[in-house]
Amino acid sequence: MDDEETDPVGGPLPAAESFDDRVLGVSESLIRYVEVIAALVLVLLFAIGVFDLTLQIFQSALRGDITDPLVVVGFIDTALLLFIIVEVYQTVVAYTQESETRRIVRLVIYTGVIAMVRKAIIFRTGEYSSEQAALTAAAAYTLIILGLAALLLVERRTRGTLPESG
């Protein structure tokens, strides 16, 4: 008897799908829907933020304090927060589209850099209980920014040398 005669017509039968496989399939679908909802929420937050920033600028121009450095820093703070929202949105979309891991890591690093630069820009020593507390916070921010910069440098230098993972 040949091997051809022992194979069922149409090829081998597919393995029966177990209950666990069906539950995992449903959970993967739910995760994908939640990721899409999260992306839509971020789009809504971004739109509200752009409207709010525009309103802040307009009101500041009417009051005449648009040239006040603290007001301008407030605008920059809001704009950087909007950039963070965009980076988080892009990260969610990359997860949803099952992009390569390197792209997702790069987006997370960019988000961290923007967040820490935002922290550094709005840093005020008067908001801390003591000079020591302000110095500790400034040192921590500096260390985090340097660490993120090093990660970004390593990621960029190894971009073409490592095989892409997906």
N, C-alpha and C. Protein backbone atom coordinates (compact mmCIF):
# COMPACT_ATOMS: atom_id res chain seq x y z
N MET A 1 0.84 -1.18 0.00
CA MET A 1 0.00 0.00 0.00
C MET A 1 0.89 1.24 0.00
N ASP A 2 0.63 2.24 -0.90
CA ASP A 2 1.40 3.48 -0.98
C ASP A 2 0.98 4.43 0.13
N ASP A 3 1.83 5.47 0.31
CA ASP A 3 1.49 6.54 1.24
C ASP A 3 0.29 7.33 0.73
N GLU A 4 0.18 7.41 -0.61
CA GLU A 4 -0.92 8.17 -1.19
C GLU A 4 -2.26 7.55 -0.83
N GLU A 5 -2.32 6.25 -0.72
CA GLU A 5 -3.58 5.58 -0.44
C GLU A 5 -4.00 5.74 1.01
N THR A 6 -3.07 6.05 1.92
CA THR A 6 -3.42 6.18 3.33
C THR A 6 -3.85 7.60 3.68
N ASP A 7 -3.52 8.59 2.83
CA ASP A 7 -3.93 9.97 3.11
C ASP A 7 -5.39 10.13 2.76
N PRO A 8 -6.15 10.84 3.59
CA PRO A 8 -7.55 11.09 3.27
C PRO A 8 -7.65 11.99 2.04
N VAL A 9 -8.79 11.90 1.35
CA VAL A 9 -9.02 12.72 0.16
C VAL A 9 -9.02 14.19 0.59
N GLY A 10 -8.28 15.03 -0.16
CA GLY A 10 -8.23 16.46 0.17
C GLY A 10 -7.12 16.80 1.14
N GLY A 11 -6.30 15.86 1.52
CA GLY A 11 -5.20 16.14 2.44
C GLY A 11 -5.55 15.79 3.86
N PRO A 12 -4.63 16.04 4.77
CA PRO A 12 -4.87 15.69 6.18
C PRO A 12 -6.00 16.53 6.78
N LEU A 13 -6.69 15.94 7.72
CA LEU A 13 -7.78 16.65 8.38
C LEU A 13 -7.21 17.71 9.33
N PRO A 14 -7.86 18.88 9.41
CA PRO A 14 -7.38 19.89 10.35
C PRO A 14 -7.61 19.42 11.77
N ALA A 15 -6.71 19.83 12.66
CA ALA A 15 -6.86 19.44 14.06
C ALA A 15 -8.14 20.06 14.61
N ALA A 16 -8.84 19.29 15.42
CA ALA A 16 -10.07 19.80 16.02
C ALA A 16 -9.73 20.99 16.91
N GLU A 17 -10.51 22.07 16.79
CA GLU A 17 -10.25 23.26 17.59
C GLU A 17 -10.77 23.01 19.00
N SER A 18 -9.91 23.19 19.97
CA SER A 18 -10.30 22.93 21.35
C SER A 18 -11.03 24.15 21.91
N PHE A 19 -11.63 23.96 23.05
CA PHE A 19 -12.32 25.04 23.75
C PHE A 19 -11.34 26.16 24.08
N ASP A 20 -10.13 25.80 24.51
CA ASP A 20 -9.10 26.80 24.84
C ASP A 20 -8.75 27.65 23.62
N ASP A 21 -8.64 27.00 22.45
CA ASP A 21 -8.33 27.74 21.22
C ASP A 21 -9.44 28.74 20.88
N ARG A 22 -10.68 28.31 21.07
CA ARG A 22 -11.80 29.22 20.78
C ARG A 22 -11.81 30.39 21.75
N VAL A 23 -11.57 30.11 23.03
CA VAL A 23 -11.55 31.18 24.04
C VAL A 23 -10.42 32.17 23.74
N LEU A 24 -9.25 31.64 23.38
CA LEU A 24 -8.13 32.51 23.04
C LEU A 24 -8.44 33.35 21.80
N GLY A 25 -9.10 32.77 20.83
CA GLY A 25 -9.49 33.51 19.63
C GLY A 25 -10.42 34.66 19.96
N VAL A 26 -11.40 34.39 20.83
CA VAL A 26 -12.34 35.44 21.25
C VAL A 26 -11.58 36.53 22.02
N SER A 27 -10.67 36.13 22.92
CA SER A 27 -9.94 37.12 23.71
C SER A 27 -9.03 37.98 22.82
N GLU A 28 -8.44 37.38 21.79
CA GLU A 28 -7.62 38.17 20.86
C GLU A 28 -8.48 39.18 20.11
N SER A 29 -9.67 38.78 19.73
CA SER A 29 -10.58 39.71 19.06
C SER A 29 -10.98 40.85 19.99
N LEU A 30 -11.27 40.52 21.24
CA LEU A 30 -11.63 41.56 22.22
C LEU A 30 -10.48 42.53 22.44
N ILE A 31 -9.26 42.00 22.55
CA ILE A 31 -8.09 42.87 22.72
C ILE A 31 -7.97 43.82 21.54
N ARG A 32 -8.16 43.30 20.34
CA ARG A 32 -8.05 44.15 19.13
C ARG A 32 -9.11 45.25 19.16
N TYR A 33 -10.36 44.92 19.55
CA TYR A 33 -11.41 45.94 19.63
C TYR A 33 -11.07 46.99 20.68
N VAL A 34 -10.54 46.56 21.83
CA VAL A 34 -10.17 47.51 22.88
C VAL A 34 -9.03 48.41 22.41
N GLU A 35 -8.06 47.86 21.66
CA GLU A 35 -6.97 48.67 21.11
C GLU A 35 -7.52 49.72 20.16
N VAL A 36 -8.47 49.36 19.34
CA VAL A 36 -9.07 50.32 18.40
C VAL A 36 -9.83 51.40 19.17
N ILE A 37 -10.56 51.01 20.19
CA ILE A 37 -11.28 51.98 21.03
C ILE A 37 -10.29 52.92 21.70
N ALA A 38 -9.18 52.38 22.21
CA ALA A 38 -8.15 53.22 22.84
C ALA A 38 -7.60 54.22 21.84
N ALA A 39 -7.37 53.79 20.61
CA ALA A 39 -6.87 54.70 19.57
C ALA A 39 -7.89 55.81 19.31
N LEU A 40 -9.16 55.47 19.24
CA LEU A 40 -10.20 56.47 19.01
C LEU A 40 -10.29 57.46 20.18
N VAL A 41 -10.14 56.97 21.40
CA VAL A 41 -10.15 57.85 22.57
C VAL A 41 -8.97 58.82 22.49
N LEU A 42 -7.81 58.33 22.08
CA LEU A 42 -6.64 59.21 21.95
C LEU A 42 -6.86 60.26 20.86
N VAL A 43 -7.51 59.89 19.77
CA VAL A 43 -7.83 60.87 18.72
C VAL A 43 -8.75 61.95 19.29
N LEU A 44 -9.74 61.54 20.07
CA LEU A 44 -10.66 62.49 20.69
C LEU A 44 -9.92 63.41 21.66
N LEU A 45 -9.04 62.84 22.49
CA LEU A 45 -8.25 63.64 23.43
C LEU A 45 -7.37 64.64 22.69
N PHE A 46 -6.77 64.20 21.59
CA PHE A 46 -5.94 65.10 20.80
C PHE A 46 -6.76 66.26 20.24
N ALA A 47 -7.92 65.96 19.70
CA ALA A 47 -8.78 67.00 19.14
C ALA A 47 -9.19 68.00 20.23
N ILE A 48 -9.57 67.50 21.39
CA ILE A 48 -9.94 68.38 22.50
C ILE A 48 -8.74 69.23 22.92
N GLY A 49 -7.56 68.61 22.96
CA GLY A 49 -6.36 69.33 23.34
C GLY A 49 -6.00 70.44 22.37
N VAL A 50 -6.13 70.17 21.07
CA VAL A 50 -5.85 71.19 20.06
C VAL A 50 -6.84 72.35 20.21
N PHE A 51 -8.11 72.03 20.42
CA PHE A 51 -9.12 73.06 20.64
C PHE A 51 -8.78 73.88 21.89
N ASP A 52 -8.41 73.20 22.97
CA ASP A 52 -8.07 73.88 24.22
C ASP A 52 -6.84 74.79 24.04
N LEU A 53 -5.81 74.30 23.35
CA LEU A 53 -4.62 75.12 23.11
C LEU A 53 -4.97 76.36 22.28
N THR A 54 -5.78 76.18 21.27
CA THR A 54 -6.21 77.31 20.45
C THR A 54 -6.98 78.33 21.28
N LEU A 55 -7.85 77.82 22.15
CA LEU A 55 -8.63 78.69 23.04
C LEU A 55 -7.71 79.43 24.02
N GLN A 56 -6.72 78.72 24.58
CA GLN A 56 -5.77 79.36 25.50
C GLN A 56 -5.02 80.50 24.81
N ILE A 57 -4.55 80.25 23.60
CA ILE A 57 -3.80 81.26 22.86
C ILE A 57 -4.71 82.47 22.56
N PHE A 58 -5.92 82.20 22.11
CA PHE A 58 -6.86 83.27 21.79
C PHE A 58 -7.17 84.11 23.02
N GLN A 59 -7.48 83.46 24.15
CA GLN A 59 -7.80 84.18 25.39
C GLN A 59 -6.59 84.97 25.89
N SER A 60 -5.43 84.40 25.76
CA SER A 60 -4.21 85.08 26.18
C SER A 60 -3.95 86.32 25.32
N ALA A 61 -4.22 86.21 24.04
CA ALA A 61 -4.05 87.36 23.14
C ALA A 61 -5.03 88.46 23.51
N LEU A 62 -6.26 88.10 23.85
CA LEU A 62 -7.26 89.09 24.25
C LEU A 62 -6.89 89.77 25.56
N ARG A 63 -6.32 89.03 26.51
CA ARG A 63 -5.91 89.59 27.79
C ARG A 63 -4.64 90.43 27.66
N GLY A 64 -3.86 90.16 26.62
CA GLY A 64 -2.63 90.90 26.41
C GLY A 64 -1.42 90.31 27.09
N ASP A 65 -1.55 89.12 27.66
CA ASP A 65 -0.40 88.50 28.33
C ASP A 65 0.23 87.38 27.50
N ILE A 66 0.03 87.44 26.19
CA ILE A 66 0.54 86.39 25.31
C ILE A 66 2.07 86.40 25.25
N THR A 67 2.69 87.52 25.61
CA THR A 67 4.16 87.59 25.58
C THR A 67 4.78 87.26 26.93
N ASP A 68 3.97 86.98 27.93
CA ASP A 68 4.48 86.59 29.25
C ASP A 68 5.16 85.23 29.14
N PRO A 69 6.44 85.15 29.59
CA PRO A 69 7.16 83.87 29.45
C PRO A 69 6.46 82.68 30.12
N LEU A 70 5.82 82.90 31.26
CA LEU A 70 5.12 81.79 31.92
C LEU A 70 3.92 81.32 31.10
N VAL A 71 3.26 82.24 30.42
CA VAL A 71 2.13 81.88 29.57
C VAL A 71 2.63 81.09 28.36
N VAL A 72 3.73 81.54 27.79
CA VAL A 72 4.31 80.83 26.64
C VAL A 72 4.77 79.43 27.05
N VAL A 73 5.36 79.31 28.23
CA VAL A 73 5.75 77.98 28.73
C VAL A 73 4.52 77.09 28.89
N GLY A 74 3.41 77.69 29.30
CA GLY A 74 2.15 76.93 29.40
C GLY A 74 1.70 76.42 28.04
N PHE A 75 1.86 77.25 27.01
CA PHE A 75 1.51 76.81 25.65
C PHE A 75 2.40 75.65 25.22
N ILE A 76 3.70 75.79 25.49
CA ILE A 76 4.65 74.74 25.12
C ILE A 76 4.32 73.45 25.86
N ASP A 77 3.99 73.58 27.13
CA ASP A 77 3.62 72.41 27.93
C ASP A 77 2.42 71.69 27.32
N THR A 78 1.40 72.45 26.95
CA THR A 78 0.21 71.85 26.34
C THR A 78 0.55 71.21 24.99
N ALA A 79 1.36 71.90 24.19
CA ALA A 79 1.74 71.35 22.88
C ALA A 79 2.53 70.05 23.03
N LEU A 80 3.45 70.01 23.99
CA LEU A 80 4.23 68.78 24.21
C LEU A 80 3.33 67.65 24.71
N LEU A 81 2.34 67.99 25.52
CA LEU A 81 1.38 66.98 25.96
C LEU A 81 0.62 66.42 24.76
N LEU A 82 0.29 67.28 23.80
CA LEU A 82 -0.37 66.81 22.58
C LEU A 82 0.54 65.89 21.78
N PHE A 83 1.84 66.21 21.73
CA PHE A 83 2.79 65.33 21.04
C PHE A 83 2.86 63.96 21.73
N ILE A 84 2.80 63.97 23.05
CA ILE A 84 2.79 62.70 23.79
C ILE A 84 1.56 61.88 23.40
N ILE A 85 0.42 62.54 23.32
CA ILE A 85 -0.81 61.84 22.92
C ILE A 85 -0.64 61.24 21.53
N VAL A 86 -0.03 61.99 20.61
CA VAL A 86 0.19 61.48 19.25
C VAL A 86 1.11 60.27 19.28
N GLU A 87 2.19 60.33 20.06
CA GLU A 87 3.12 59.20 20.13
C GLU A 87 2.46 57.96 20.74
N VAL A 88 1.65 58.16 21.77
CA VAL A 88 0.94 57.03 22.38
C VAL A 88 -0.05 56.46 21.36
N TYR A 89 -0.74 57.33 20.63
CA TYR A 89 -1.66 56.87 19.58
C TYR A 89 -0.91 56.02 18.55
N GLN A 90 0.24 56.51 18.09
CA GLN A 90 1.01 55.76 17.10
C GLN A 90 1.47 54.42 17.67
N THR A 91 1.78 54.38 18.96
CA THR A 91 2.18 53.12 19.58
C THR A 91 1.01 52.15 19.60
N VAL A 92 -0.18 52.64 19.96
CA VAL A 92 -1.37 51.77 19.97
C VAL A 92 -1.65 51.26 18.57
N VAL A 93 -1.55 52.12 17.57
CA VAL A 93 -1.79 51.70 16.19
C VAL A 93 -0.74 50.67 15.77
N ALA A 94 0.51 50.88 16.17
CA ALA A 94 1.56 49.90 15.82
C ALA A 94 1.27 48.55 16.45
N TYR A 95 0.81 48.54 17.70
CA TYR A 95 0.43 47.27 18.34
C TYR A 95 -0.73 46.64 17.58
N THR A 96 -1.74 47.45 17.25
CA THR A 96 -2.92 46.92 16.57
C THR A 96 -2.57 46.33 15.21
N GLN A 97 -1.66 46.99 14.50
CA GLN A 97 -1.25 46.51 13.18
C GLN A 97 -0.15 45.46 13.27
N GLU A 98 0.20 45.09 14.50
CA GLU A 98 1.25 44.09 14.74
C GLU A 98 2.52 44.46 13.98
N SER A 99 2.94 45.72 14.15
CA SER A 99 4.16 46.21 13.51
C SER A 99 5.37 45.53 14.13
N GLU A 100 6.52 45.76 13.49
CA GLU A 100 7.75 45.18 13.98
C GLU A 100 8.06 45.74 15.38
N THR A 101 8.68 44.94 16.19
CA THR A 101 8.98 45.29 17.57
C THR A 101 9.86 46.53 17.64
N ARG A 102 10.82 46.65 16.74
CA ARG A 102 11.72 47.81 16.75
C ARG A 102 10.95 49.12 16.60
N ARG A 103 9.95 49.13 15.75
CA ARG A 103 9.15 50.35 15.56
C ARG A 103 8.41 50.70 16.84
N ILE A 104 7.85 49.72 17.50
CA ILE A 104 7.11 49.97 18.74
C ILE A 104 8.06 50.49 19.81
N VAL A 105 9.23 49.87 19.93
CA VAL A 105 10.22 50.33 20.93
C VAL A 105 10.64 51.77 20.62
N ARG A 106 10.86 52.06 19.36
CA ARG A 106 11.26 53.42 18.96
C ARG A 106 10.17 54.43 19.35
N LEU A 107 8.91 54.09 19.13
CA LEU A 107 7.81 54.98 19.49
C LEU A 107 7.75 55.20 21.00
N VAL A 108 7.98 54.14 21.77
CA VAL A 108 7.96 54.26 23.23
C VAL A 108 9.11 55.16 23.69
N ILE A 109 10.28 55.02 23.08
CA ILE A 109 11.42 55.88 23.44
C ILE A 109 11.10 57.34 23.11
N TYR A 110 10.55 57.60 21.92
CA TYR A 110 10.18 58.96 21.55
C TYR A 110 9.18 59.55 22.54
N THR A 111 8.21 58.75 22.94
CA THR A 111 7.22 59.22 23.91
C THR A 111 7.89 59.60 25.22
N GLY A 112 8.82 58.77 25.67
CA GLY A 112 9.54 59.06 26.91
C GLY A 112 10.38 60.32 26.80
N VAL A 113 11.05 60.50 25.67
CA VAL A 113 11.87 61.70 25.48
C VAL A 113 10.98 62.95 25.53
N ILE A 114 9.88 62.94 24.81
CA ILE A 114 8.98 64.09 24.81
C ILE A 114 8.45 64.36 26.21
N ALA A 115 8.06 63.31 26.92
CA ALA A 115 7.51 63.48 28.27
C ALA A 115 8.56 64.08 29.21
N MET A 116 9.79 63.62 29.11
CA MET A 116 10.82 64.14 30.02
C MET A 116 11.26 65.55 29.63
N VAL A 117 11.30 65.86 28.36
CA VAL A 117 11.61 67.23 27.94
C VAL A 117 10.51 68.16 28.44
N ARG A 118 9.28 67.71 28.36
CA ARG A 118 8.15 68.49 28.89
C ARG A 118 8.34 68.75 30.38
N LYS A 119 8.72 67.70 31.12
CA LYS A 119 8.96 67.86 32.56
C LYS A 119 10.07 68.88 32.82
N ALA A 120 11.13 68.82 32.01
CA ALA A 120 12.25 69.74 32.20
C ALA A 120 11.83 71.18 31.89
N ILE A 121 11.01 71.37 30.87
CA ILE A 121 10.59 72.72 30.50
C ILE A 121 9.72 73.35 31.57
N ILE A 122 8.83 72.57 32.17
CA ILE A 122 7.92 73.14 33.17
C ILE A 122 8.47 73.04 34.59
N PHE A 123 9.71 72.59 34.73
CA PHE A 123 10.33 72.40 36.04
C PHE A 123 10.45 73.75 36.76
N ARG A 124 9.96 73.83 37.97
CA ARG A 124 10.05 75.02 38.81
C ARG A 124 10.52 74.60 40.19
N THR A 125 11.63 75.17 40.64
CA THR A 125 12.17 74.79 41.96
C THR A 125 11.22 75.17 43.08
N GLY A 126 10.42 76.20 42.88
CA GLY A 126 9.48 76.65 43.92
C GLY A 126 8.38 75.65 44.23
N GLU A 127 8.20 74.68 43.38
CA GLU A 127 7.14 73.68 43.60
C GLU A 127 7.56 72.58 44.55
N TYR A 128 8.82 72.62 45.02
CA TYR A 128 9.34 71.57 45.91
C TYR A 128 9.49 72.10 47.32
N SER A 129 9.41 71.21 48.28
CA SER A 129 9.44 71.61 49.69
C SER A 129 10.80 72.14 50.12
N SER A 130 11.86 71.72 49.45
CA SER A 130 13.20 72.19 49.81
C SER A 130 14.09 72.21 48.58
N GLU A 131 15.23 72.87 48.73
CA GLU A 131 16.19 72.89 47.63
C GLU A 131 16.71 71.48 47.34
N GLN A 132 16.87 70.70 48.39
CA GLN A 132 17.35 69.32 48.23
C GLN A 132 16.36 68.49 47.40
N ALA A 133 15.07 68.67 47.67
CA ALA A 133 14.05 67.93 46.92
C ALA A 133 14.06 68.37 45.45
N ALA A 134 14.21 69.66 45.19
CA ALA A 134 14.27 70.16 43.81
C ALA A 134 15.51 69.63 43.11
N LEU A 135 16.65 69.62 43.81
CA LEU A 135 17.89 69.11 43.22
C LEU A 135 17.77 67.62 42.91
N THR A 136 17.16 66.87 43.79
CA THR A 136 16.97 65.44 43.57
C THR A 136 16.08 65.19 42.34
N ALA A 137 14.99 65.97 42.24
CA ALA A 137 14.10 65.83 41.09
C ALA A 137 14.83 66.20 39.80
N ALA A 138 15.60 67.29 39.83
CA ALA A 138 16.34 67.72 38.63
C ALA A 138 17.36 66.66 38.22
N ALA A 139 18.04 66.06 39.19
CA ALA A 139 19.02 65.00 38.89
C ALA A 139 18.32 63.78 38.31
N ALA A 140 17.16 63.43 38.85
CA ALA A 140 16.41 62.28 38.33
C ALA A 140 15.96 62.54 36.90
N TYR A 141 15.43 63.73 36.62
CA TYR A 141 15.01 64.07 35.27
C TYR A 141 16.19 63.99 34.30
N THR A 142 17.33 64.54 34.74
CA THR A 142 18.53 64.52 33.90
C THR A 142 18.96 63.09 33.59
N LEU A 143 18.97 62.25 34.61
CA LEU A 143 19.37 60.85 34.43
C LEU A 143 18.42 60.12 33.46
N ILE A 144 17.14 60.36 33.61
CA ILE A 144 16.16 59.72 32.72
C ILE A 144 16.33 60.22 31.29
N ILE A 145 16.51 61.53 31.11
CA ILE A 145 16.69 62.07 29.76
C ILE A 145 17.96 61.51 29.12
N LEU A 146 19.05 61.46 29.87
CA LEU A 146 20.29 60.89 29.34
C LEU A 146 20.13 59.41 28.99
N GLY A 147 19.42 58.66 29.83
CA GLY A 147 19.17 57.25 29.55
C GLY A 147 18.35 57.06 28.29
N LEU A 148 17.30 57.89 28.14
CA LEU A 148 16.47 57.80 26.93
C LEU A 148 17.26 58.21 25.69
N ALA A 149 18.10 59.23 25.83
CA ALA A 149 18.93 59.65 24.70
C ALA A 149 19.89 58.53 24.30
N ALA A 150 20.46 57.85 25.29
CA ALA A 150 21.35 56.72 25.00
C ALA A 150 20.60 55.60 24.29
N LEU A 151 19.40 55.29 24.76
CA LEU A 151 18.58 54.26 24.10
C LEU A 151 18.26 54.65 22.66
N LEU A 152 17.93 55.91 22.45
CA LEU A 152 17.63 56.37 21.09
C LEU A 152 18.86 56.28 20.21
N LEU A 153 20.01 56.63 20.73
CA LEU A 153 21.26 56.54 19.97
C LEU A 153 21.57 55.09 19.61
N VAL A 154 21.44 54.19 20.57
CA VAL A 154 21.69 52.77 20.30
C VAL A 154 20.70 52.25 19.26
N GLU A 155 19.43 52.62 19.39
CA GLU A 155 18.42 52.16 18.44
C GLU A 155 18.75 52.65 17.04
N ARG A 156 19.16 53.89 16.90
CA ARG A 156 19.48 54.44 15.58
C ARG A 156 20.73 53.81 14.98
N ARG A 157 21.73 53.57 15.81
CA ARG A 157 22.98 52.99 15.30
C ARG A 157 22.83 51.53 14.91
N THR A 158 21.91 50.82 15.57
CA THR A 158 21.73 49.40 15.26
C THR A 158 20.59 49.18 14.28
N ARG A 159 19.98 50.23 13.80
CA ARG A 159 18.80 50.10 12.91
C ARG A 159 19.10 49.24 11.69
N GLY A 160 20.24 49.45 11.05
CA GLY A 160 20.54 48.70 9.86
C GLY A 160 21.34 47.44 10.09
N THR A 161 21.81 47.21 11.33
CA THR A 161 22.69 46.06 11.57
C THR A 161 21.99 44.85 12.12
N LEU A 162 20.85 45.03 12.76
CA LEU A 162 20.13 43.88 13.34
C LEU A 162 19.04 43.43 12.39
N PRO A 163 18.75 42.13 12.39
CA PRO A 163 17.63 41.65 11.56
C PRO A 163 16.34 42.20 12.13
N GLU A 164 15.42 42.55 11.25
CA GLU A 164 14.12 43.06 11.68
C GLU A 164 13.31 41.94 12.31
N SER A 165 12.68 42.26 13.44
CA SER A 165 11.79 41.28 14.09
C SER A 165 10.38 41.78 13.94
N GLY A 166 9.45 40.89 13.87
CA GLY A 166 8.09 41.34 13.63
C GLY A 166 7.08 40.62 14.37
